[in-house]
Amino acid sequence: MSGISQVMDVAQENDHRAPGKAGSVLTGLGKLTGSEFRLMLRDPGIFFVAFFPVVLVLVFGLLPSTSSPSEEFGGGRFIDFYLPPVLTMIIAMMALNALSGVLAAYRERGVLRRLASTPVRPVTLMLAQGLVNMLLLSSVTAVVLLLAGLAFDVPLPRQFFGFVLAFVLCVSAMFALGLLIAALAPTGKAANGIGTVAFFPLAFLAGVWTPGPLMPDVVRRISDFSPLGAGSQAMQAAWSGAFPKPLHLIVLLGFTLVVGFIASRLFRWE
């Protein structure tokens, strides 16, 4: 059964319920979330998102040059500084490709327009997408942290509340950017293309290719004002035991509110 058929079947099952009833909304959200989760698991690209970060941690944890103390990292190890960029990379792939591509494709194929005529509104589908993406993000993050800790003795963030706050704000900022791409892209393929183009400079500023301590000062200053750069540095601060800098949290919150507002104004249901 196609993804469109599954989504529309969920909507049609709720047609007999009175619009606006809390039970109908919750039932529709629950069923759509389950449907979207099953569709996500059938997408080959999701396995790349889930396993590529794990492979990166394994590679850098096993290489002697990246798992041994280095003067470049103040006596620390490369692997100890690389987890925040890896986590931001996972967030970026989910937001810029998975989330934006699916929503743009649903609008292109008329799914959102058809949902608008049922008690299960298009916004319910957006909430379901957000839930399944957040579930996958949380699961992959937990696996990466456990693997790094158990296999390579990488400690958990010492400022755990600061880490959770930075992680959640980074997710919200990037999801807002993903929604903006979905709002502007005419097709699902266009959304994936735009997301891929945006991914590389944002990931560079997050330290995916050049971790923060090795970045030139000018690049680090620029990264302070990018969503992934601010998120990566905020999580790195929490890992070191310090609370994230207010600048980085403000940047993440600003992207969430400003970009999210623009996306909501530009988003078209058909």
C-alpha atoms as a PDB file:
ATOM      1  CA  MET A   1       0.000   0.000   0.000  1.00  0.00           C
ATOM      2  CA  SER A   2       1.327   3.437  -0.909  1.00  0.00           C
ATOM      3  CA  GLY A   3       2.100   6.108   1.666  1.00  0.00           C
ATOM      4  CA  ILE A   4      -0.746   8.281   0.366  1.00  0.00           C
ATOM      5  CA  SER A   5      -3.246   5.434   0.691  1.00  0.00           C
ATOM      6  CA  GLN A   6      -2.202   4.749   4.261  1.00  0.00           C
ATOM      7  CA  VAL A   7      -2.498   8.396   5.249  1.00  0.00           C
ATOM      8  CA  MET A   8      -5.886   8.804   3.599  1.00  0.00           C
ATOM      9  CA  ASP A   9      -7.202   5.565   5.107  1.00  0.00           C
ATOM     10  CA  VAL A  10      -6.422   6.952   8.551  1.00  0.00           C
ATOM     11  CA  ALA A  11      -8.333  10.127   7.710  1.00  0.00           C
ATOM     12  CA  GLN A  12     -11.321   8.235   6.320  1.00  0.00           C
ATOM     13  CA  GLU A  13     -11.539   6.075   9.462  1.00  0.00           C
ATOM     14  CA  ASN A  14     -12.161   9.289  11.411  1.00  0.00           C
ATOM     15  CA  ASP A  15     -14.743  10.783   9.045  1.00  0.00           C
ATOM     16  CA  HIS A  16     -17.616   9.602  11.240  1.00  0.00           C
ATOM     17  CA  ARG A  17     -16.276  11.477  14.253  1.00  0.00           C
ATOM     18  CA  ALA A  18     -17.447  14.993  14.992  1.00  0.00           C
ATOM     19  CA  PRO A  19     -14.894  17.601  13.931  1.00  0.00           C
ATOM     20  CA  GLY A  20     -13.285  19.492  16.770  1.00  0.00           C
ATOM     21  CA  LYS A  21     -13.738  16.763  19.381  1.00  0.00           C
ATOM     22  CA  ALA A  22     -10.635  16.201  21.486  1.00  0.00           C
ATOM     23  CA  GLY A  23     -11.021  12.423  21.233  1.00  0.00           C
ATOM     24  CA  SER A  24     -11.149  12.588  17.449  1.00  0.00           C
ATOM     25  CA  VAL A  25      -8.048  14.754  17.281  1.00  0.00           C
ATOM     26  CA  LEU A  26      -6.078  12.503  19.617  1.00  0.00           C
ATOM     27  CA  THR A  27      -7.233   9.359  17.834  1.00  0.00           C
ATOM     28  CA  GLY A  28      -6.321  10.815  14.456  1.00  0.00           C
ATOM     29  CA  LEU A  29      -2.921  11.951  15.730  1.00  0.00           C
ATOM     30  CA  GLY A  30      -2.190   8.548  17.233  1.00  0.00           C
ATOM     31  CA  LYS A  31      -3.135   6.658  14.087  1.00  0.00           C
ATOM     32  CA  LEU A  32      -1.288   9.067  11.812  1.00  0.00           C
ATOM     33  CA  THR A  33       1.808   8.853  13.993  1.00  0.00           C
ATOM     34  CA  GLY A  34       1.750   5.072  13.764  1.00  0.00           C
ATOM     35  CA  SER A  35       1.223   5.216  10.008  1.00  0.00           C
ATOM     36  CA  GLU A  36       4.017   7.756   9.511  1.00  0.00           C
ATOM     37  CA  PHE A  37       6.375   5.705  11.673  1.00  0.00           C
ATOM     38  CA  ARG A  38       5.765   2.575   9.583  1.00  0.00           C
ATOM     39  CA  LEU A  39       6.320   4.554   6.382  1.00  0.00           C
ATOM     40  CA  MET A  40       9.535   6.000   7.787  1.00  0.00           C
ATOM     41  CA  LEU A  41      10.895   2.542   8.582  1.00  0.00           C
ATOM     42  CA  ARG A  42      10.282   1.515   4.960  1.00  0.00           C
ATOM     43  CA  ASP A  43      12.332   4.436   3.620  1.00  0.00           C
ATOM     44  CA  PRO A  44      15.885   3.235   2.771  1.00  0.00           C
ATOM     45  CA  GLY A  45      17.252   6.726   3.407  1.00  0.00           C
ATOM     46  CA  ILE A  46      16.263   6.535   7.061  1.00  0.00           C
ATOM     47  CA  PHE A  47      18.642   3.642   7.648  1.00  0.00           C
ATOM     48  CA  PHE A  48      21.472   5.853   6.391  1.00  0.00           C
ATOM     49  CA  VAL A  49      20.431   8.559   8.858  1.00  0.00           C
ATOM     50  CA  ALA A  50      20.254   6.024  11.691  1.00  0.00           C
ATOM     51  CA  PHE A  51      23.427   4.039  11.033  1.00  0.00           C
ATOM     52  CA  PHE A  52      25.853   6.528   9.490  1.00  0.00           C
ATOM     53  CA  PRO A  53      26.424   8.397  12.794  1.00  0.00           C
ATOM     54  CA  VAL A  54      27.015   5.071  14.539  1.00  0.00           C
ATOM     55  CA  VAL A  55      29.582   4.123  11.889  1.00  0.00           C
ATOM     56  CA  LEU A  56      31.312   7.502  12.308  1.00  0.00           C
ATOM     57  CA  VAL A  57      31.620   7.000  16.072  1.00  0.00           C
ATOM     58  CA  LEU A  58      32.986   3.484  15.537  1.00  0.00           C
ATOM     59  CA  VAL A  59      35.564   4.657  12.992  1.00  0.00           C
ATOM     60  CA  PHE A  60      36.835   7.599  15.038  1.00  0.00           C
ATOM     61  CA  GLY A  61      36.721   5.557  18.224  1.00  0.00           C
ATOM     62  CA  LEU A  62      38.862   2.776  16.750  1.00  0.00           C
ATOM     63  CA  LEU A  63      41.429   4.892  14.899  1.00  0.00           C
ATOM     64  CA  PRO A  64      44.517   5.451  17.088  1.00  0.00           C
ATOM     65  CA  SER A  65      44.952   9.000  15.781  1.00  0.00           C
ATOM     66  CA  THR A  66      41.462  10.078  16.881  1.00  0.00           C
ATOM     67  CA  SER A  67      41.114   7.990  20.051  1.00  0.00           C
ATOM     68  CA  SER A  68      44.391   9.050  21.689  1.00  0.00           C
ATOM     69  CA  PRO A  69      45.073  12.255  23.674  1.00  0.00           C
ATOM     70  CA  SER A  70      46.217  15.147  21.495  1.00  0.00           C
ATOM     71  CA  GLU A  71      47.773  18.528  22.217  1.00  0.00           C
ATOM     72  CA  GLU A  72      45.408  20.077  19.638  1.00  0.00           C
ATOM     73  CA  PHE A  73      42.527  19.243  21.976  1.00  0.00           C
ATOM     74  CA  GLY A  74      44.238  20.304  25.178  1.00  0.00           C
ATOM     75  CA  GLY A  75      45.201  16.765  26.066  1.00  0.00           C
ATOM     76  CA  GLY A  76      41.769  15.406  25.189  1.00  0.00           C
ATOM     77  CA  ARG A  77      40.783  13.077  22.377  1.00  0.00           C
ATOM     78  CA  PHE A  78      39.223  13.851  19.024  1.00  0.00           C
ATOM     79  CA  ILE A  79      36.355  11.458  19.764  1.00  0.00           C
ATOM     80  CA  ASP A  80      35.531  13.403  22.947  1.00  0.00           C
ATOM     81  CA  PHE A  81      34.948  16.587  20.924  1.00  0.00           C
ATOM     82  CA  TYR A  82      33.262  14.950  17.943  1.00  0.00           C
ATOM     83  CA  LEU A  83      29.976  13.780  19.456  1.00  0.00           C
ATOM     84  CA  PRO A  84      28.214  17.195  19.416  1.00  0.00           C
ATOM     85  CA  PRO A  85      28.901  17.650  15.654  1.00  0.00           C
ATOM     86  CA  VAL A  86      27.668  14.094  15.049  1.00  0.00           C
ATOM     87  CA  LEU A  87      24.429  14.810  16.905  1.00  0.00           C
ATOM     88  CA  THR A  88      23.867  18.043  14.990  1.00  0.00           C
ATOM     89  CA  MET A  89      24.456  16.124  11.750  1.00  0.00           C
ATOM     90  CA  ILE A  90      21.670  13.686  12.689  1.00  0.00           C
ATOM     91  CA  ILE A  91      19.345  16.598  13.466  1.00  0.00           C
ATOM     92  CA  ALA A  92      20.183  18.278  10.155  1.00  0.00           C
ATOM     93  CA  MET A  93      19.549  15.174   8.045  1.00  0.00           C
ATOM     94  CA  MET A  94      16.190  14.592   9.695  1.00  0.00           C
ATOM     95  CA  ALA A  95      15.067  18.216   9.407  1.00  0.00           C
ATOM     96  CA  LEU A  96      16.451  19.178   6.000  1.00  0.00           C
ATOM     97  CA  ASN A  97      15.683  15.973   4.128  1.00  0.00           C
ATOM     98  CA  ALA A  98      13.279  13.647   5.938  1.00  0.00           C
ATOM     99  CA  LEU A  99      10.843  16.206   7.361  1.00  0.00           C
ATOM    100  CA  SER A 100      10.906  18.749   4.534  1.00  0.00           C
ATOM    101  CA  GLY A 101      10.849  16.146   1.759  1.00  0.00           C
ATOM    102  CA  VAL A 102       7.865  14.245   3.128  1.00  0.00           C
ATOM    103  CA  LEU A 103       5.706  17.325   3.750  1.00  0.00           C
ATOM    104  CA  ALA A 104       6.512  18.848   0.347  1.00  0.00           C
ATOM    105  CA  ALA A 105       5.727  15.528  -1.345  1.00  0.00           C
ATOM    106  CA  TYR A 106       2.410  15.249   0.506  1.00  0.00           C
ATOM    107  CA  ARG A 107       1.410  18.725  -0.647  1.00  0.00           C
ATOM    108  CA  GLU A 108       2.559  17.974  -4.220  1.00  0.00           C
ATOM    109  CA  ARG A 109       0.423  14.807  -4.347  1.00  0.00           C
ATOM    110  CA  GLY A 110      -2.660  16.440  -2.840  1.00  0.00           C
ATOM    111  CA  VAL A 111      -2.560  14.613   0.490  1.00  0.00           C
ATOM    112  CA  LEU A 112      -2.707  17.810   2.563  1.00  0.00           C
ATOM    113  CA  ARG A 113      -5.564  19.205   0.463  1.00  0.00           C
ATOM    114  CA  ARG A 114      -7.564  16.000   0.877  1.00  0.00           C
ATOM    115  CA  LEU A 115      -6.852  15.873   4.607  1.00  0.00           C
ATOM    116  CA  ALA A 116      -8.235  19.409   4.957  1.00  0.00           C
ATOM    117  CA  SER A 117     -11.721  18.045   4.166  1.00  0.00           C
ATOM    118  CA  THR A 118     -11.603  15.491   6.997  1.00  0.00           C
ATOM    119  CA  PRO A 119     -11.583  15.813  10.804  1.00  0.00           C
ATOM    120  CA  VAL A 120      -7.869  14.895  10.647  1.00  0.00           C
ATOM    121  CA  ARG A 121      -6.486  18.282   9.601  1.00  0.00           C
ATOM    122  CA  PRO A 122      -3.148  18.771   7.791  1.00  0.00           C
ATOM    123  CA  VAL A 123      -1.654  20.248  10.949  1.00  0.00           C
ATOM    124  CA  THR A 124      -2.255  16.868  12.618  1.00  0.00           C
ATOM    125  CA  LEU A 125      -0.070  15.267   9.962  1.00  0.00           C
ATOM    126  CA  MET A 126       2.638  17.838  10.663  1.00  0.00           C
ATOM    127  CA  LEU A 127       2.473  16.990  14.375  1.00  0.00           C
ATOM    128  CA  ALA A 128       2.698  13.280  13.561  1.00  0.00           C
ATOM    129  CA  GLN A 129       5.754  13.933  11.391  1.00  0.00           C
ATOM    130  CA  GLY A 130       7.355  15.914  14.194  1.00  0.00           C
ATOM    131  CA  LEU A 131       6.712  13.096  16.672  1.00  0.00           C
ATOM    132  CA  VAL A 132       8.161  10.308  14.535  1.00  0.00           C
ATOM    133  CA  ASN A 133      11.206  12.386  13.628  1.00  0.00           C
ATOM    134  CA  MET A 134      11.783  13.260  17.281  1.00  0.00           C
ATOM    135  CA  LEU A 135      11.417   9.591  18.232  1.00  0.00           C
ATOM    136  CA  LEU A 136      14.062   8.537  15.717  1.00  0.00           C
ATOM    137  CA  LEU A 137      16.349  11.414  16.723  1.00  0.00           C
ATOM    138  CA  SER A 138      16.113  10.485  20.400  1.00  0.00           C
ATOM    139  CA  SER A 139      16.729   6.799  19.673  1.00  0.00           C
ATOM    140  CA  VAL A 140      19.795   7.400  17.497  1.00  0.00           C
ATOM    141  CA  THR A 141      21.155   9.914  20.012  1.00  0.00           C
ATOM    142  CA  ALA A 142      20.788   7.382  22.830  1.00  0.00           C
ATOM    143  CA  VAL A 143      22.574   4.701  20.776  1.00  0.00           C
ATOM    144  CA  VAL A 144      25.439   7.069  19.900  1.00  0.00           C
ATOM    145  CA  LEU A 145      25.887   8.138  23.536  1.00  0.00           C
ATOM    146  CA  LEU A 146      25.791   4.562  24.820  1.00  0.00           C
ATOM    147  CA  LEU A 147      28.200   3.320  22.163  1.00  0.00           C
ATOM    148  CA  ALA A 148      30.667   6.139  22.766  1.00  0.00           C
ATOM    149  CA  GLY A 149      30.467   5.679  26.532  1.00  0.00           C
ATOM    150  CA  LEU A 150      30.628   1.897  26.728  1.00  0.00           C
ATOM    151  CA  ALA A 151      33.051   1.219  23.872  1.00  0.00           C
ATOM    152  CA  PHE A 152      35.333   4.260  23.993  1.00  0.00           C
ATOM    153  CA  ASP A 153      34.909   5.640  27.512  1.00  0.00           C
ATOM    154  CA  VAL A 154      33.458   8.956  26.344  1.00  0.00           C
ATOM    155  CA  PRO A 155      31.729  10.523  29.363  1.00  0.00           C
ATOM    156  CA  LEU A 156      28.146  11.739  29.317  1.00  0.00           C
ATOM    157  CA  PRO A 157      27.567  15.511  29.326  1.00  0.00           C
ATOM    158  CA  ARG A 158      28.467  16.779  32.773  1.00  0.00           C
ATOM    159  CA  GLN A 159      25.891  19.588  32.558  1.00  0.00           C
ATOM    160  CA  PHE A 160      23.016  17.289  31.605  1.00  0.00           C
ATOM    161  CA  PHE A 161      20.212  19.857  31.840  1.00  0.00           C
ATOM    162  CA  GLY A 162      22.201  22.266  29.664  1.00  0.00           C
ATOM    163  CA  PHE A 163      22.766  19.490  27.132  1.00  0.00           C
ATOM    164  CA  VAL A 164      19.068  18.583  26.956  1.00  0.00           C
ATOM    165  CA  LEU A 165      18.133  22.251  26.580  1.00  0.00           C
ATOM    166  CA  ALA A 166      20.691  22.786  23.797  1.00  0.00           C
ATOM    167  CA  PHE A 167      19.599  19.575  22.037  1.00  0.00           C
ATOM    168  CA  VAL A 168      15.895  20.445  22.134  1.00  0.00           C
ATOM    169  CA  LEU A 169      16.492  24.019  20.938  1.00  0.00           C
ATOM    170  CA  CYS A 170      18.744  22.785  18.126  1.00  0.00           C
ATOM    171  CA  VAL A 171      16.030  20.339  17.039  1.00  0.00           C
ATOM    172  CA  SER A 172      13.344  23.038  17.126  1.00  0.00           C
ATOM    173  CA  ALA A 173      15.520  25.493  15.165  1.00  0.00           C
ATOM    174  CA  MET A 174      16.356  22.951  12.466  1.00  0.00           C
ATOM    175  CA  PHE A 175      12.784  21.660  12.252  1.00  0.00           C
ATOM    176  CA  ALA A 176      11.689  25.259  11.680  1.00  0.00           C
ATOM    177  CA  LEU A 177      14.199  25.479   8.837  1.00  0.00           C
ATOM    178  CA  GLY A 178      12.942  22.171   7.464  1.00  0.00           C
ATOM    179  CA  LEU A 179       9.369  23.486   7.515  1.00  0.00           C
ATOM    180  CA  LEU A 180      10.506  26.607   5.672  1.00  0.00           C
ATOM    181  CA  ILE A 181      12.053  24.448   2.952  1.00  0.00           C
ATOM    182  CA  ALA A 182       8.832  22.414   2.758  1.00  0.00           C
ATOM    183  CA  ALA A 183       6.873  25.674   2.455  1.00  0.00           C
ATOM    184  CA  LEU A 184       8.985  26.990  -0.428  1.00  0.00           C
ATOM    185  CA  ALA A 185       9.768  23.807  -2.386  1.00  0.00           C
ATOM    186  CA  PRO A 186       7.283  23.001  -5.170  1.00  0.00           C
ATOM    187  CA  THR A 187       7.958  19.235  -5.015  1.00  0.00           C
ATOM    188  CA  GLY A 188       9.371  16.619  -2.677  1.00  0.00           C
ATOM    189  CA  LYS A 189      12.463  16.200  -4.873  1.00  0.00           C
ATOM    190  CA  ALA A 190      13.043  19.950  -4.844  1.00  0.00           C
ATOM    191  CA  ALA A 191      12.807  19.955  -1.049  1.00  0.00           C
ATOM    192  CA  ASN A 192      15.411  17.188  -0.840  1.00  0.00           C
ATOM    193  CA  GLY A 193      17.670  19.099  -3.221  1.00  0.00           C
ATOM    194  CA  ILE A 194      17.386  22.347  -1.260  1.00  0.00           C
ATOM    195  CA  GLY A 195      17.930  20.481   2.007  1.00  0.00           C
ATOM    196  CA  THR A 196      21.049  18.775   0.672  1.00  0.00           C
ATOM    197  CA  VAL A 197      22.522  22.069  -0.529  1.00  0.00           C
ATOM    198  CA  ALA A 198      21.809  23.688   2.844  1.00  0.00           C
ATOM    199  CA  PHE A 199      23.193  20.720   4.774  1.00  0.00           C
ATOM    200  CA  PHE A 200      26.852  21.032   3.802  1.00  0.00           C
ATOM    201  CA  PRO A 201      27.604  24.629   4.863  1.00  0.00           C
ATOM    202  CA  LEU A 202      25.545  24.227   8.034  1.00  0.00           C
ATOM    203  CA  ALA A 203      27.310  20.953   8.894  1.00  0.00           C
ATOM    204  CA  PHE A 204      30.687  22.583   8.228  1.00  0.00           C
ATOM    205  CA  LEU A 205      29.873  25.362  10.681  1.00  0.00           C
ATOM    206  CA  ALA A 206      28.805  22.720  13.208  1.00  0.00           C
ATOM    207  CA  GLY A 207      32.282  21.164  13.085  1.00  0.00           C
ATOM    208  CA  VAL A 208      31.398  17.934  11.270  1.00  0.00           C
ATOM    209  CA  TRP A 209      34.560  18.215   9.151  1.00  0.00           C
ATOM    210  CA  THR A 210      36.607  20.520  11.390  1.00  0.00           C
ATOM    211  CA  PRO A 211      35.768  20.254  15.119  1.00  0.00           C
ATOM    212  CA  GLY A 212      35.438  23.513  17.050  1.00  0.00           C
ATOM    213  CA  PRO A 213      38.927  23.602  18.640  1.00  0.00           C
ATOM    214  CA  LEU A 214      40.528  23.323  15.183  1.00  0.00           C
ATOM    215  CA  MET A 215      38.373  25.994  13.528  1.00  0.00           C
ATOM    216  CA  PRO A 216      39.870  29.398  12.701  1.00  0.00           C
ATOM    217  CA  ASP A 217      38.546  32.128  14.983  1.00  0.00           C
ATOM    218  CA  VAL A 218      36.656  33.840  12.151  1.00  0.00           C
ATOM    219  CA  VAL A 219      34.839  30.631  11.223  1.00  0.00           C
ATOM    220  CA  ARG A 220      33.974  29.937  14.856  1.00  0.00           C
ATOM    221  CA  ARG A 221      32.540  33.418  15.196  1.00  0.00           C
ATOM    222  CA  ILE A 222      30.370  32.884  12.108  1.00  0.00           C
ATOM    223  CA  SER A 223      29.268  29.483  13.421  1.00  0.00           C
ATOM    224  CA  ASP A 224      28.024  31.179  16.604  1.00  0.00           C
ATOM    225  CA  PHE A 225      25.158  32.601  14.555  1.00  0.00           C
ATOM    226  CA  SER A 226      24.204  29.474  12.595  1.00  0.00           C
ATOM    227  CA  PRO A 227      21.676  27.002  14.039  1.00  0.00           C
ATOM    228  CA  LEU A 228      23.931  23.953  13.846  1.00  0.00           C
ATOM    229  CA  GLY A 229      27.035  25.865  14.908  1.00  0.00           C
ATOM    230  CA  ALA A 230      25.281  27.330  17.930  1.00  0.00           C
ATOM    231  CA  GLY A 231      23.752  23.951  18.748  1.00  0.00           C
ATOM    232  CA  SER A 232      27.062  22.118  18.465  1.00  0.00           C
ATOM    233  CA  GLN A 233      28.911  24.640  20.643  1.00  0.00           C
ATOM    234  CA  ALA A 234      26.107  24.705  23.212  1.00  0.00           C
ATOM    235  CA  MET A 235      26.184  20.908  23.504  1.00  0.00           C
ATOM    236  CA  GLN A 236      29.989  20.926  23.657  1.00  0.00           C
ATOM    237  CA  ALA A 237      29.881  23.393  26.550  1.00  0.00           C
ATOM    238  CA  ALA A 238      27.443  21.134  28.391  1.00  0.00           C
ATOM    239  CA  TRP A 239      29.735  18.155  27.766  1.00  0.00           C
ATOM    240  CA  SER A 240      32.575  20.065  29.413  1.00  0.00           C
ATOM    241  CA  GLY A 241      30.458  20.820  32.461  1.00  0.00           C
ATOM    242  CA  ALA A 242      29.563  24.441  31.690  1.00  0.00           C
ATOM    243  CA  PHE A 243      26.087  25.755  31.006  1.00  0.00           C
ATOM    244  CA  PRO A 244      25.668  26.756  27.332  1.00  0.00           C
ATOM    245  CA  LYS A 245      26.415  30.382  26.519  1.00  0.00           C
ATOM    246  CA  PRO A 246      23.345  32.648  26.394  1.00  0.00           C
ATOM    247  CA  LEU A 247      24.357  33.742  22.861  1.00  0.00           C
ATOM    248  CA  HIS A 248      24.018  30.204  21.506  1.00  0.00           C
ATOM    249  CA  LEU A 249      20.685  29.599  23.217  1.00  0.00           C
ATOM    250  CA  ILE A 250      19.335  32.942  21.966  1.00  0.00           C
ATOM    251  CA  VAL A 251      20.443  32.128  18.402  1.00  0.00           C
ATOM    252  CA  LEU A 252      18.667  28.761  18.545  1.00  0.00           C
ATOM    253  CA  LEU A 253      15.532  30.262  20.042  1.00  0.00           C
ATOM    254  CA  GLY A 254      15.618  33.065  17.475  1.00  0.00           C
ATOM    255  CA  PHE A 255      15.780  30.607  14.576  1.00  0.00           C
ATOM    256  CA  THR A 256      12.932  28.623  16.099  1.00  0.00           C
ATOM    257  CA  LEU A 257      10.641  31.632  16.481  1.00  0.00           C
ATOM    258  CA  VAL A 258      11.563  33.729  13.429  1.00  0.00           C
ATOM    259  CA  VAL A 259      12.052  30.957  10.863  1.00  0.00           C
ATOM    260  CA  GLY A 260       9.116  29.026  12.298  1.00  0.00           C
ATOM    261  CA  PHE A 261       6.863  32.079  11.984  1.00  0.00           C
ATOM    262  CA  ILE A 262       7.961  32.703   8.382  1.00  0.00           C
ATOM    263  CA  ALA A 263       7.411  29.042   7.524  1.00  0.00           C
ATOM    264  CA  SER A 264       3.912  29.122   9.020  1.00  0.00           C
ATOM    265  CA  ARG A 265       3.026  32.202   6.959  1.00  0.00           C
ATOM    266  CA  LEU A 266       4.401  30.774   3.708  1.00  0.00           C
ATOM    267  CA  PHE A 267       3.276  27.185   4.077  1.00  0.00           C
ATOM    268  CA  ARG A 268       0.634  26.152   1.538  1.00  0.00           C
ATOM    269  CA  TRP A 269      -1.672  23.203   2.021  1.00  0.00           C
ATOM    270  CA  GLU A 270      -2.157  22.768  -1.743  1.00  0.00           C
END
